[in-house]
Amino acid sequence: VLRDLPSKTIILGVISLGDPKVETPEIVADRIRRALDVVPAERIIVAPDCGMKYIPRETAFGKLKAMVDGAAIVRAELGVK
């Protein structure tokens, strides 16, 4: 699907709010890497896959932390500050 959007900025859902389990940063990083196979980094915005209104605060915090930490892993791999 991402290949069909050659000029669009992609808001990439990298954490699943349908699953109460908190992802690891490595899982998030892998999801970002898969998108980087078809979309340049400057067109990707890392985000949850939906709103967090209905999940417990502790779970939401864990998922957001995994998202931030996973993005940091990929940034370091790309040499981006």
C-alpha atoms as a PDB file:
ATOM      1  CA  VAL A   1       0.000   0.000   0.000  1.00  0.00           C
ATOM      2  CA  LEU A   2       2.808   2.425   0.858  1.00  0.00           C
ATOM      3  CA  ARG A   3       4.278   2.048  -2.637  1.00  0.00           C
ATOM      4  CA  ASP A   4       1.045   3.481  -4.033  1.00  0.00           C
ATOM      5  CA  LEU A   5       1.572   6.770  -2.154  1.00  0.00           C
ATOM      6  CA  PRO A   6       4.778   8.086  -3.734  1.00  0.00           C
ATOM      7  CA  SER A   7       4.418  11.726  -2.705  1.00  0.00           C
ATOM      8  CA  LYS A   8       2.488  11.483   0.559  1.00  0.00           C
ATOM      9  CA  THR A   9       3.734  11.851   4.107  1.00  0.00           C
ATOM     10  CA  ILE A  10       2.891   8.587   5.863  1.00  0.00           C
ATOM     11  CA  ILE A  11       1.623   8.514   9.444  1.00  0.00           C
ATOM     12  CA  LEU A  12       2.830   5.032  10.279  1.00  0.00           C
ATOM     13  CA  GLY A  13       0.924   3.168  13.004  1.00  0.00           C
ATOM     14  CA  VAL A  14       3.638   1.201  14.792  1.00  0.00           C
ATOM     15  CA  ILE A  15       1.832   0.237  18.002  1.00  0.00           C
ATOM     16  CA  SER A  16      -1.404  -1.712  18.093  1.00  0.00           C
ATOM     17  CA  LEU A  17      -4.105  -0.416  20.382  1.00  0.00           C
ATOM     18  CA  GLY A  18      -6.213  -3.481  19.701  1.00  0.00           C
ATOM     19  CA  ASP A  19      -3.688  -5.595  21.608  1.00  0.00           C
ATOM     20  CA  PRO A  20      -3.277  -4.862  25.344  1.00  0.00           C
ATOM     21  CA  LYS A  21       0.261  -6.272  25.322  1.00  0.00           C
ATOM     22  CA  VAL A  22       2.927  -3.566  25.271  1.00  0.00           C
ATOM     23  CA  GLU A  23       5.246  -3.923  22.297  1.00  0.00           C
ATOM     24  CA  THR A  24       8.991  -3.962  22.793  1.00  0.00           C
ATOM     25  CA  PRO A  25      11.086  -1.180  21.265  1.00  0.00           C
ATOM     26  CA  GLU A  26      12.619  -3.842  18.992  1.00  0.00           C
ATOM     27  CA  ILE A  27       9.184  -4.772  17.588  1.00  0.00           C
ATOM     28  CA  VAL A  28       8.449  -1.101  16.937  1.00  0.00           C
ATOM     29  CA  ALA A  29      11.860  -0.617  15.308  1.00  0.00           C
ATOM     30  CA  ASP A  30      11.193  -3.594  13.035  1.00  0.00           C
ATOM     31  CA  ARG A  31       7.866  -2.121  11.942  1.00  0.00           C
ATOM     32  CA  ILE A  32       9.590   1.157  11.096  1.00  0.00           C
ATOM     33  CA  ARG A  33      12.363  -0.639   9.186  1.00  0.00           C
ATOM     34  CA  ARG A  34       9.766  -2.478   7.083  1.00  0.00           C
ATOM     35  CA  ALA A  35       8.233   0.852   6.036  1.00  0.00           C
ATOM     36  CA  LEU A  36      11.690   2.236   5.253  1.00  0.00           C
ATOM     37  CA  ASP A  37      12.027  -0.491   2.640  1.00  0.00           C
ATOM     38  CA  VAL A  38       9.496   1.417   0.508  1.00  0.00           C
ATOM     39  CA  VAL A  39       9.268   4.962   1.910  1.00  0.00           C
ATOM     40  CA  PRO A  40      12.124   7.391   2.620  1.00  0.00           C
ATOM     41  CA  ALA A  41      12.540   8.332   6.297  1.00  0.00           C
ATOM     42  CA  GLU A  42      11.703  11.987   5.711  1.00  0.00           C
ATOM     43  CA  ARG A  43       8.156  10.993   4.647  1.00  0.00           C
ATOM     44  CA  ILE A  44       7.404   8.852   7.737  1.00  0.00           C
ATOM     45  CA  ILE A  45       5.788  10.071  10.942  1.00  0.00           C
ATOM     46  CA  VAL A  46       5.775   7.373  13.634  1.00  0.00           C
ATOM     47  CA  ALA A  47       2.458   7.152  15.495  1.00  0.00           C
ATOM     48  CA  PRO A  48       0.043   4.797  17.280  1.00  0.00           C
ATOM     49  CA  ASP A  49      -2.395   3.012  14.971  1.00  0.00           C
ATOM     50  CA  CYS A  50      -5.361   4.820  16.556  1.00  0.00           C
ATOM     51  CA  GLY A  51      -6.403   6.898  19.574  1.00  0.00           C
ATOM     52  CA  MET A  52      -5.592   5.796  23.121  1.00  0.00           C
ATOM     53  CA  LYS A  53      -8.788   6.942  24.796  1.00  0.00           C
ATOM     54  CA  TYR A  54     -10.034   3.486  25.734  1.00  0.00           C
ATOM     55  CA  ILE A  55      -6.885   1.808  27.046  1.00  0.00           C
ATOM     56  CA  PRO A  56      -5.569   2.043  30.608  1.00  0.00           C
ATOM     57  CA  ARG A  57      -3.121   4.882  31.253  1.00  0.00           C
ATOM     58  CA  GLU A  58      -0.321   2.508  32.291  1.00  0.00           C
ATOM     59  CA  THR A  59      -0.686   0.509  29.070  1.00  0.00           C
ATOM     60  CA  ALA A  60      -0.821   3.690  26.983  1.00  0.00           C
ATOM     61  CA  PHE A  61       2.347   4.979  28.644  1.00  0.00           C
ATOM     62  CA  GLY A  62       4.153   1.679  28.027  1.00  0.00           C
ATOM     63  CA  LYS A  63       3.115   1.614  24.390  1.00  0.00           C
ATOM     64  CA  LEU A  64       4.165   5.230  23.813  1.00  0.00           C
ATOM     65  CA  LYS A  65       7.505   4.591  25.507  1.00  0.00           C
ATOM     66  CA  ALA A  66       8.077   1.573  23.248  1.00  0.00           C
ATOM     67  CA  MET A  67       7.196   3.741  20.241  1.00  0.00           C
ATOM     68  CA  VAL A  68       9.688   6.445  21.229  1.00  0.00           C
ATOM     69  CA  ASP A  69      12.417   3.954  22.109  1.00  0.00           C
ATOM     70  CA  GLY A  70      11.866   1.991  18.887  1.00  0.00           C
ATOM     71  CA  ALA A  71      12.089   5.169  16.823  1.00  0.00           C
ATOM     72  CA  ALA A  72      15.328   6.056  18.645  1.00  0.00           C
ATOM     73  CA  ILE A  73      16.800   2.673  17.689  1.00  0.00           C
ATOM     74  CA  VAL A  74      16.069   3.281  14.012  1.00  0.00           C
ATOM     75  CA  ARG A  75      17.291   6.888  14.155  1.00  0.00           C
ATOM     76  CA  ALA A  76      20.590   5.683  15.594  1.00  0.00           C
ATOM     77  CA  GLU A  77      20.885   3.085  12.823  1.00  0.00           C
ATOM     78  CA  LEU A  78      20.277   5.805  10.230  1.00  0.00           C
ATOM     79  CA  GLY A  79      22.666   8.212  11.920  1.00  0.00           C
ATOM     80  CA  VAL A  80      19.880  10.752  12.545  1.00  0.00           C
ATOM     81  CA  LYS A  81      19.903  12.862  15.710  1.00  0.00           C
END
